[in-house]
Amino acid sequence: MRSALDFGNFRRSSVGFDQLFDMLENNNFGGESYPPFDLIRLDDNRYRIELAVAGFRREDIEITSQQNSLLVRGQKGDEDGSTYVHRGIANRAFERRFALADHIHVRGADLRDGMLSIELEREIPEEMKPRRIDIGSSESAQPRQTIEGRTSEPARGKEPETV
């Protein structure tokens, strides 16, 4: 299903964002609704996903993080043999996927009072962080070498000398 959004102008003027545009164009927003969840921004680099998983135990839930994806699966154990007159609490298996940006890592998860909390943190590698570059600090700007008192570069208007 294609979205009504057109990212053609952005695609032409950006490099390396193909996956993002594909995801936005092809995502079925609102398609998955179970289990309901909240996405909380704790600060610039920390997030929390909270899923309402009433009735699920720790051993019923599996969380898998791989590359830029987080998968949360829930499968209830065997029934306890009870006969229900009405079943209003969702008891079905679920699979919820979250796309993670680069450098987002899962720090941990906890299940308390029917809420599954997953802690996420952005960790930018040192080599990718902005750094100040001093002028004149280029590695290729090496001092001229002299051989026998002469520079190795030819003087203007003269032929190079063989040494």
N, C-alpha and C. Protein backbone atom coordinates (compact mmCIF):
# COMPACT_ATOMS: atom_id res chain seq x y z
N MET A 1 0.85 -1.18 0.00
CA MET A 1 0.00 0.00 0.00
C MET A 1 0.89 1.23 0.00
N ARG A 2 0.72 2.07 -0.98
CA ARG A 2 1.52 3.29 -1.09
C ARG A 2 0.86 4.41 -0.30
N SER A 3 1.68 5.27 0.21
CA SER A 3 1.21 6.42 0.98
C SER A 3 0.91 7.57 0.03
N ALA A 4 0.12 8.51 0.50
CA ALA A 4 -0.16 9.71 -0.29
C ALA A 4 1.01 10.68 -0.24
N LEU A 5 2.01 10.38 0.58
CA LEU A 5 3.17 11.25 0.70
C LEU A 5 4.13 11.02 -0.46
N ASP A 6 4.67 12.11 -1.02
CA ASP A 6 5.63 12.01 -2.11
C ASP A 6 6.96 12.56 -1.64
N PHE A 7 7.97 11.72 -1.58
CA PHE A 7 9.29 12.13 -1.11
C PHE A 7 10.27 12.30 -2.26
N GLY A 8 9.77 12.46 -3.48
CA GLY A 8 10.63 12.57 -4.66
C GLY A 8 11.67 13.66 -4.55
N ASN A 9 11.28 14.85 -4.11
CA ASN A 9 12.24 15.96 -3.98
C ASN A 9 13.32 15.65 -2.96
N PHE A 10 12.92 15.03 -1.86
CA PHE A 10 13.90 14.67 -0.83
C PHE A 10 14.83 13.57 -1.31
N ARG A 11 14.29 12.61 -2.05
CA ARG A 11 15.12 11.51 -2.56
C ARG A 11 16.20 12.03 -3.49
N ARG A 12 15.86 13.03 -4.30
CA ARG A 12 16.83 13.57 -5.27
C ARG A 12 17.93 14.38 -4.60
N SER A 13 17.66 14.94 -3.43
CA SER A 13 18.65 15.82 -2.81
C SER A 13 19.27 15.24 -1.55
N SER A 14 19.13 13.95 -1.33
CA SER A 14 19.73 13.34 -0.15
C SER A 14 20.36 12.00 -0.54
N VAL A 15 21.34 11.62 0.22
CA VAL A 15 22.06 10.38 -0.05
C VAL A 15 22.00 9.51 1.20
N GLY A 16 21.66 8.25 1.02
CA GLY A 16 21.69 7.29 2.12
C GLY A 16 20.42 7.22 2.95
N PHE A 17 19.36 7.87 2.52
CA PHE A 17 18.11 7.86 3.29
C PHE A 17 17.04 7.01 2.61
N ASP A 18 17.43 6.16 1.67
CA ASP A 18 16.47 5.36 0.92
C ASP A 18 15.58 4.52 1.83
N GLN A 19 16.20 3.86 2.82
CA GLN A 19 15.42 3.01 3.72
C GLN A 19 14.37 3.81 4.49
N LEU A 20 14.75 5.02 4.91
CA LEU A 20 13.82 5.86 5.65
C LEU A 20 12.62 6.23 4.78
N PHE A 21 12.87 6.66 3.56
CA PHE A 21 11.77 7.04 2.67
C PHE A 21 10.90 5.84 2.31
N ASP A 22 11.53 4.68 2.08
CA ASP A 22 10.75 3.48 1.80
C ASP A 22 9.85 3.13 2.97
N MET A 23 10.40 3.22 4.18
CA MET A 23 9.63 2.90 5.37
C MET A 23 8.44 3.86 5.52
N LEU A 24 8.68 5.15 5.29
CA LEU A 24 7.60 6.13 5.42
C LEU A 24 6.53 5.94 4.35
N GLU A 25 6.96 5.62 3.13
CA GLU A 25 6.00 5.46 2.04
C GLU A 25 5.20 4.17 2.15
N ASN A 26 5.82 3.11 2.65
CA ASN A 26 5.17 1.80 2.67
C ASN A 26 4.57 1.41 4.00
N ASN A 27 4.81 2.19 5.04
CA ASN A 27 4.33 1.83 6.37
C ASN A 27 2.81 1.94 6.43
N ASN A 28 2.22 0.96 7.03
CA ASN A 28 0.77 0.97 7.23
C ASN A 28 0.50 1.57 8.61
N PHE A 29 0.44 2.89 8.69
CA PHE A 29 0.25 3.56 9.97
C PHE A 29 -1.10 3.16 10.55
N GLY A 30 -1.07 2.76 11.81
CA GLY A 30 -2.31 2.38 12.47
C GLY A 30 -2.71 0.94 12.23
N GLY A 31 -1.92 0.16 11.50
CA GLY A 31 -2.28 -1.22 11.21
C GLY A 31 -2.18 -2.11 12.43
N GLU A 32 -1.10 -2.02 13.17
CA GLU A 32 -0.91 -2.80 14.39
C GLU A 32 -1.46 -2.02 15.56
N SER A 33 -2.28 -2.68 16.36
CA SER A 33 -2.81 -1.94 17.51
C SER A 33 -2.67 -2.72 18.82
N TYR A 34 -2.19 -3.96 18.75
CA TYR A 34 -2.07 -4.76 19.95
C TYR A 34 -0.66 -5.27 20.09
N PRO A 35 -0.06 -5.17 21.22
CA PRO A 35 -0.55 -4.48 22.41
C PRO A 35 -0.33 -2.98 22.28
N PRO A 36 -1.15 -2.19 22.96
CA PRO A 36 -0.93 -0.74 22.92
C PRO A 36 0.38 -0.38 23.60
N PHE A 37 0.99 0.71 23.14
CA PHE A 37 2.29 1.09 23.70
C PHE A 37 2.43 2.60 23.75
N ASP A 38 3.35 3.06 24.59
CA ASP A 38 3.77 4.46 24.66
C ASP A 38 5.24 4.52 24.32
N LEU A 39 5.64 5.58 23.64
CA LEU A 39 7.05 5.84 23.35
C LEU A 39 7.39 7.14 24.07
N ILE A 40 8.32 7.06 25.01
CA ILE A 40 8.64 8.20 25.88
C ILE A 40 10.07 8.64 25.62
N ARG A 41 10.26 9.94 25.42
CA ARG A 41 11.60 10.49 25.27
C ARG A 41 12.04 11.00 26.63
N LEU A 42 13.06 10.38 27.20
CA LEU A 42 13.53 10.75 28.53
C LEU A 42 14.49 11.93 28.48
N ASP A 43 15.36 11.96 27.48
CA ASP A 43 16.24 13.10 27.21
C ASP A 43 16.71 12.97 25.76
N ASP A 44 17.72 13.73 25.37
CA ASP A 44 18.15 13.73 23.98
C ASP A 44 18.63 12.37 23.48
N ASN A 45 19.11 11.52 24.38
CA ASN A 45 19.69 10.25 23.96
C ASN A 45 19.06 9.02 24.60
N ARG A 46 18.01 9.19 25.41
CA ARG A 46 17.39 8.05 26.07
C ARG A 46 15.88 8.03 25.81
N TYR A 47 15.38 6.81 25.56
CA TYR A 47 13.96 6.61 25.28
C TYR A 47 13.47 5.41 26.06
N ARG A 48 12.15 5.31 26.20
CA ARG A 48 11.54 4.14 26.82
C ARG A 48 10.29 3.78 26.02
N ILE A 49 10.16 2.49 25.74
CA ILE A 49 8.93 1.96 25.14
C ILE A 49 8.20 1.23 26.24
N GLU A 50 6.93 1.55 26.44
CA GLU A 50 6.12 0.86 27.44
C GLU A 50 4.95 0.19 26.73
N LEU A 51 4.86 -1.13 26.88
CA LEU A 51 3.78 -1.91 26.27
C LEU A 51 2.87 -2.45 27.34
N ALA A 52 1.57 -2.36 27.13
CA ALA A 52 0.58 -2.90 28.06
C ALA A 52 0.38 -4.38 27.72
N VAL A 53 0.91 -5.25 28.58
CA VAL A 53 0.87 -6.70 28.33
C VAL A 53 0.23 -7.42 29.52
N ALA A 54 -0.95 -6.97 29.91
CA ALA A 54 -1.63 -7.56 31.07
C ALA A 54 -1.82 -9.06 30.88
N GLY A 55 -1.51 -9.81 31.93
CA GLY A 55 -1.70 -11.25 31.90
C GLY A 55 -0.50 -12.04 31.38
N PHE A 56 0.48 -11.36 30.80
CA PHE A 56 1.68 -12.05 30.31
C PHE A 56 2.73 -12.08 31.41
N ARG A 57 3.42 -13.21 31.51
CA ARG A 57 4.52 -13.34 32.47
C ARG A 57 5.84 -13.13 31.73
N ARG A 58 6.91 -12.98 32.50
CA ARG A 58 8.24 -12.78 31.90
C ARG A 58 8.57 -13.87 30.89
N GLU A 59 8.28 -15.11 31.25
CA GLU A 59 8.62 -16.22 30.37
C GLU A 59 7.73 -16.31 29.13
N ASP A 60 6.65 -15.52 29.08
CA ASP A 60 5.77 -15.49 27.91
C ASP A 60 6.23 -14.48 26.86
N ILE A 61 7.20 -13.65 27.20
CA ILE A 61 7.61 -12.54 26.32
C ILE A 61 9.05 -12.72 25.88
N GLU A 62 9.30 -12.47 24.61
CA GLU A 62 10.65 -12.55 24.04
C GLU A 62 10.97 -11.22 23.36
N ILE A 63 12.11 -10.65 23.68
CA ILE A 63 12.55 -9.38 23.10
C ILE A 63 13.84 -9.64 22.33
N THR A 64 13.87 -9.25 21.06
CA THR A 64 15.04 -9.47 20.22
C THR A 64 15.43 -8.15 19.56
N SER A 65 16.71 -7.81 19.69
CA SER A 65 17.25 -6.61 19.05
C SER A 65 18.27 -7.07 18.02
N GLN A 66 18.09 -6.61 16.77
CA GLN A 66 19.00 -6.99 15.71
C GLN A 66 19.14 -5.81 14.76
N GLN A 67 20.37 -5.35 14.56
CA GLN A 67 20.69 -4.20 13.72
C GLN A 67 19.77 -3.05 14.06
N ASN A 68 18.94 -2.60 13.16
CA ASN A 68 18.08 -1.44 13.39
C ASN A 68 16.63 -1.85 13.64
N SER A 69 16.44 -2.97 14.32
CA SER A 69 15.10 -3.47 14.53
C SER A 69 14.96 -4.03 15.95
N LEU A 70 13.80 -3.81 16.53
CA LEU A 70 13.47 -4.37 17.84
C LEU A 70 12.18 -5.15 17.66
N LEU A 71 12.18 -6.40 18.09
CA LEU A 71 11.02 -7.26 17.95
C LEU A 71 10.59 -7.72 19.34
N VAL A 72 9.31 -7.52 19.66
CA VAL A 72 8.75 -7.97 20.93
C VAL A 72 7.65 -8.96 20.60
N ARG A 73 7.79 -10.20 21.12
CA ARG A 73 6.80 -11.26 20.88
C ARG A 73 6.22 -11.71 22.21
N GLY A 74 4.95 -12.00 22.18
CA GLY A 74 4.29 -12.54 23.36
C GLY A 74 3.47 -13.76 23.00
N GLN A 75 3.64 -14.83 23.75
CA GLN A 75 2.89 -16.07 23.53
C GLN A 75 2.52 -16.63 24.90
N LYS A 76 1.23 -16.66 25.18
CA LYS A 76 0.76 -17.15 26.48
C LYS A 76 1.03 -18.64 26.62
N GLY A 77 1.29 -19.04 27.86
CA GLY A 77 1.49 -20.45 28.16
C GLY A 77 0.17 -21.20 28.07
N ASP A 78 0.22 -22.45 28.44
CA ASP A 78 -0.98 -23.30 28.40
C ASP A 78 -2.07 -22.74 29.32
N GLU A 79 -3.30 -22.99 28.92
CA GLU A 79 -4.45 -22.55 29.72
C GLU A 79 -4.46 -23.29 31.06
N ASP A 80 -5.07 -22.64 32.04
CA ASP A 80 -5.12 -23.25 33.37
C ASP A 80 -6.34 -24.15 33.55
N GLY A 81 -7.11 -24.37 32.51
CA GLY A 81 -8.26 -25.26 32.58
C GLY A 81 -9.55 -24.58 32.99
N SER A 82 -9.52 -23.26 33.19
CA SER A 82 -10.73 -22.53 33.60
C SER A 82 -11.70 -22.42 32.43
N THR A 83 -12.98 -22.37 32.77
CA THR A 83 -14.03 -22.17 31.77
C THR A 83 -14.51 -20.74 31.90
N TYR A 84 -14.34 -19.96 30.85
CA TYR A 84 -14.69 -18.54 30.88
C TYR A 84 -16.11 -18.34 30.38
N VAL A 85 -16.86 -17.49 31.08
CA VAL A 85 -18.18 -17.07 30.62
C VAL A 85 -17.99 -15.90 29.66
N HIS A 86 -17.06 -15.03 30.00
CA HIS A 86 -16.71 -13.89 29.13
C HIS A 86 -15.21 -13.68 29.21
N ARG A 87 -14.58 -13.44 28.09
CA ARG A 87 -13.13 -13.20 28.08
C ARG A 87 -12.88 -11.82 27.47
N GLY A 88 -12.67 -10.82 28.32
CA GLY A 88 -12.47 -9.44 27.86
C GLY A 88 -11.01 -9.02 27.86
N ILE A 89 -10.16 -9.75 28.56
CA ILE A 89 -8.74 -9.44 28.59
C ILE A 89 -8.07 -10.19 27.44
N ALA A 90 -7.42 -9.42 26.59
CA ALA A 90 -6.79 -10.02 25.41
C ALA A 90 -5.79 -11.08 25.84
N ASN A 91 -5.89 -12.24 25.20
CA ASN A 91 -5.03 -13.36 25.54
C ASN A 91 -4.31 -13.87 24.29
N ARG A 92 -4.35 -13.10 23.25
CA ARG A 92 -3.78 -13.59 21.99
C ARG A 92 -2.28 -13.31 21.92
N ALA A 93 -1.62 -14.09 21.11
CA ALA A 93 -0.19 -13.90 20.87
C ALA A 93 -0.02 -12.60 20.10
N PHE A 94 1.15 -11.99 20.26
CA PHE A 94 1.40 -10.75 19.53
C PHE A 94 2.85 -10.70 19.07
N GLU A 95 3.07 -9.84 18.10
CA GLU A 95 4.40 -9.56 17.60
C GLU A 95 4.41 -8.09 17.22
N ARG A 96 5.24 -7.32 17.88
CA ARG A 96 5.32 -5.88 17.67
C ARG A 96 6.74 -5.53 17.25
N ARG A 97 6.89 -4.86 16.10
CA ARG A 97 8.21 -4.47 15.58
C ARG A 97 8.40 -2.96 15.71
N PHE A 98 9.62 -2.58 16.05
CA PHE A 98 9.99 -1.17 16.12
C PHE A 98 11.26 -0.98 15.29
N ALA A 99 11.26 0.03 14.44
CA ALA A 99 12.46 0.38 13.68
C ALA A 99 13.30 1.30 14.55
N LEU A 100 14.58 0.97 14.68
CA LEU A 100 15.48 1.77 15.50
C LEU A 100 16.44 2.53 14.60
N ALA A 101 16.72 3.77 14.96
CA ALA A 101 17.69 4.56 14.23
C ALA A 101 19.09 4.02 14.48
N ASP A 102 20.03 4.44 13.66
CA ASP A 102 21.42 4.03 13.86
C ASP A 102 21.88 4.43 15.25
N HIS A 103 22.66 3.59 15.86
CA HIS A 103 23.31 3.82 17.15
C HIS A 103 22.34 3.82 18.33
N ILE A 104 21.12 3.31 18.14
CA ILE A 104 20.18 3.13 19.26
C ILE A 104 20.36 1.70 19.77
N HIS A 105 20.63 1.56 21.07
CA HIS A 105 20.87 0.26 21.67
C HIS A 105 19.86 0.02 22.79
N VAL A 106 19.45 -1.24 22.94
CA VAL A 106 18.55 -1.62 24.02
C VAL A 106 19.40 -1.81 25.27
N ARG A 107 19.05 -1.09 26.34
CA ARG A 107 19.80 -1.14 27.60
C ARG A 107 19.21 -2.11 28.60
N GLY A 108 17.94 -2.44 28.44
CA GLY A 108 17.33 -3.37 29.39
C GLY A 108 15.82 -3.36 29.26
N ALA A 109 15.18 -4.30 29.96
CA ALA A 109 13.72 -4.39 29.94
C ALA A 109 13.25 -4.87 31.30
N ASP A 110 12.03 -4.47 31.66
CA ASP A 110 11.46 -4.86 32.94
C ASP A 110 9.95 -5.03 32.77
N LEU A 111 9.39 -5.98 33.46
CA LEU A 111 7.95 -6.22 33.45
C LEU A 111 7.42 -6.02 34.85
N ARG A 112 6.53 -5.05 35.02
CA ARG A 112 5.99 -4.75 36.33
C ARG A 112 4.54 -4.27 36.17
N ASP A 113 3.64 -4.88 36.92
CA ASP A 113 2.22 -4.50 36.95
C ASP A 113 1.59 -4.48 35.56
N GLY A 114 1.95 -5.46 34.73
CA GLY A 114 1.34 -5.57 33.40
C GLY A 114 1.91 -4.63 32.36
N MET A 115 2.98 -3.89 32.72
CA MET A 115 3.62 -2.97 31.78
C MET A 115 5.04 -3.46 31.51
N LEU A 116 5.35 -3.65 30.23
CA LEU A 116 6.70 -4.02 29.82
C LEU A 116 7.42 -2.74 29.42
N SER A 117 8.51 -2.43 30.12
CA SER A 117 9.30 -1.23 29.83
C SER A 117 10.62 -1.65 29.19
N ILE A 118 10.93 -1.04 28.05
CA ILE A 118 12.18 -1.32 27.34
C ILE A 118 12.96 -0.02 27.26
N GLU A 119 14.16 -0.03 27.83
CA GLU A 119 15.01 1.17 27.86
C GLU A 119 15.94 1.19 26.65
N LEU A 120 15.97 2.32 25.96
CA LEU A 120 16.80 2.50 24.77
C LEU A 120 17.72 3.69 24.96
N GLU A 121 18.89 3.62 24.35
CA GLU A 121 19.83 4.73 24.45
C GLU A 121 20.59 4.90 23.14
N ARG A 122 20.76 6.15 22.73
CA ARG A 122 21.55 6.46 21.54
C ARG A 122 23.00 6.64 21.98
N GLU A 123 23.90 5.89 21.36
CA GLU A 123 25.33 6.00 21.64
C GLU A 123 26.06 6.30 20.34
N ILE A 124 26.44 7.55 20.18
CA ILE A 124 27.16 7.97 18.98
C ILE A 124 28.63 7.59 19.16
N PRO A 125 29.22 6.84 18.21
CA PRO A 125 30.65 6.51 18.33
C PRO A 125 31.50 7.78 18.32
N GLU A 126 32.60 7.75 19.02
CA GLU A 126 33.49 8.91 19.16
C GLU A 126 33.87 9.49 17.81
N GLU A 127 34.18 8.62 16.83
CA GLU A 127 34.61 9.11 15.53
C GLU A 127 33.50 9.80 14.74
N MET A 128 32.24 9.66 15.18
CA MET A 128 31.12 10.29 14.49
C MET A 128 30.65 11.57 15.19
N LYS A 129 31.16 11.82 16.36
CA LYS A 129 30.76 13.03 17.08
C LYS A 129 31.41 14.25 16.43
N PRO A 130 30.74 15.39 16.48
CA PRO A 130 31.35 16.59 15.91
C PRO A 130 32.64 16.93 16.66
N ARG A 131 33.62 17.39 15.93
CA ARG A 131 34.88 17.80 16.55
C ARG A 131 35.38 19.04 15.84
N ARG A 132 36.08 19.86 16.58
CA ARG A 132 36.61 21.10 16.04
C ARG A 132 37.92 20.81 15.31
N ILE A 133 38.07 21.37 14.13
CA ILE A 133 39.27 21.20 13.34
C ILE A 133 40.03 22.52 13.36
N ASP A 134 41.25 22.49 13.86
CA ASP A 134 42.09 23.69 13.88
C ASP A 134 42.68 23.92 12.50
N ILE A 135 42.72 25.15 12.09
CA ILE A 135 43.28 25.51 10.79
C ILE A 135 44.79 25.31 10.87
N GLY A 136 45.33 24.70 9.82
CA GLY A 136 46.76 24.43 9.79
C GLY A 136 47.12 23.12 10.44
N SER A 137 46.13 22.31 10.78
CA SER A 137 46.41 21.04 11.44
C SER A 137 46.33 19.86 10.48
N SER A 138 46.33 20.15 9.19
CA SER A 138 46.23 19.09 8.20
C SER A 138 47.44 18.19 8.25
N GLU A 139 47.21 16.90 8.12
CA GLU A 139 48.31 15.94 8.12
C GLU A 139 49.17 16.09 6.87
N SER A 140 48.56 16.56 5.77
CA SER A 140 49.32 16.69 4.52
C SER A 140 50.14 17.97 4.49
N ALA A 141 49.89 18.89 5.43
CA ALA A 141 50.66 20.14 5.47
C ALA A 141 51.95 19.90 6.26
N GLN A 142 52.89 19.21 5.62
CA GLN A 142 54.16 18.91 6.27
C GLN A 142 55.17 19.98 5.90
N PRO A 143 56.12 20.23 6.77
CA PRO A 143 57.15 21.22 6.42
C PRO A 143 57.97 20.72 5.24
N ARG A 144 58.51 21.67 4.46
CA ARG A 144 59.33 21.30 3.30
C ARG A 144 60.60 20.63 3.76
N GLN A 145 60.98 19.61 3.01
CA GLN A 145 62.22 18.91 3.33
C GLN A 145 63.38 19.57 2.59
N THR A 146 64.49 19.68 3.25
CA THR A 146 65.67 20.24 2.58
C THR A 146 66.72 19.15 2.45
N ILE A 147 67.36 19.16 1.31
CA ILE A 147 68.44 18.22 1.05
C ILE A 147 69.68 19.03 0.69
N GLU A 148 70.71 18.87 1.45
CA GLU A 148 71.97 19.58 1.24
C GLU A 148 71.76 21.09 1.15
N GLY A 149 70.91 21.60 2.02
CA GLY A 149 70.72 23.04 2.08
C GLY A 149 69.79 23.59 1.01
N ARG A 150 69.26 22.77 0.12
CA ARG A 150 68.33 23.24 -0.91
C ARG A 150 66.95 22.65 -0.64
N THR A 151 65.91 23.36 -1.04
CA THR A 151 64.56 22.83 -0.90
C THR A 151 64.31 21.82 -1.99
N SER A 152 63.42 20.88 -1.72
CA SER A 152 63.11 19.86 -2.71
C SER A 152 62.10 20.35 -3.73
N GLU A 153 61.52 21.53 -3.50
CA GLU A 153 60.58 22.10 -4.46
C GLU A 153 61.33 23.07 -5.35
N PRO A 154 61.01 23.12 -6.67
CA PRO A 154 61.71 24.02 -7.57
C PRO A 154 61.33 25.47 -7.30
N ALA A 155 62.25 26.37 -7.49
CA ALA A 155 61.96 27.79 -7.37
C ALA A 155 61.13 28.21 -8.57
N ARG A 156 60.40 29.29 -8.42
CA ARG A 156 59.54 29.75 -9.52
C ARG A 156 60.38 30.11 -10.74
N GLY A 157 59.90 29.63 -11.86
CA GLY A 157 60.53 29.98 -13.12
C GLY A 157 61.78 29.19 -13.41
N LYS A 158 62.21 28.30 -12.55
CA LYS A 158 63.40 27.50 -12.78
C LYS A 158 63.04 26.04 -12.96
N GLU A 159 63.87 25.35 -13.67
CA GLU A 159 63.68 23.92 -13.85
C GLU A 159 64.08 23.21 -12.55
N PRO A 160 63.49 22.11 -12.27
CA PRO A 160 63.87 21.37 -11.06
C PRO A 160 65.29 20.81 -11.21
N GLU A 161 66.00 20.86 -10.11
CA GLU A 161 67.36 20.34 -10.11
C GLU A 161 67.34 18.89 -9.69
N THR A 162 68.24 18.12 -10.26
CA THR A 162 68.36 16.73 -9.81
C THR A 162 69.36 16.69 -8.70
N VAL A 163 69.02 15.95 -7.71
CA VAL A 163 69.87 15.87 -6.51
C VAL A 163 70.52 14.52 -6.44
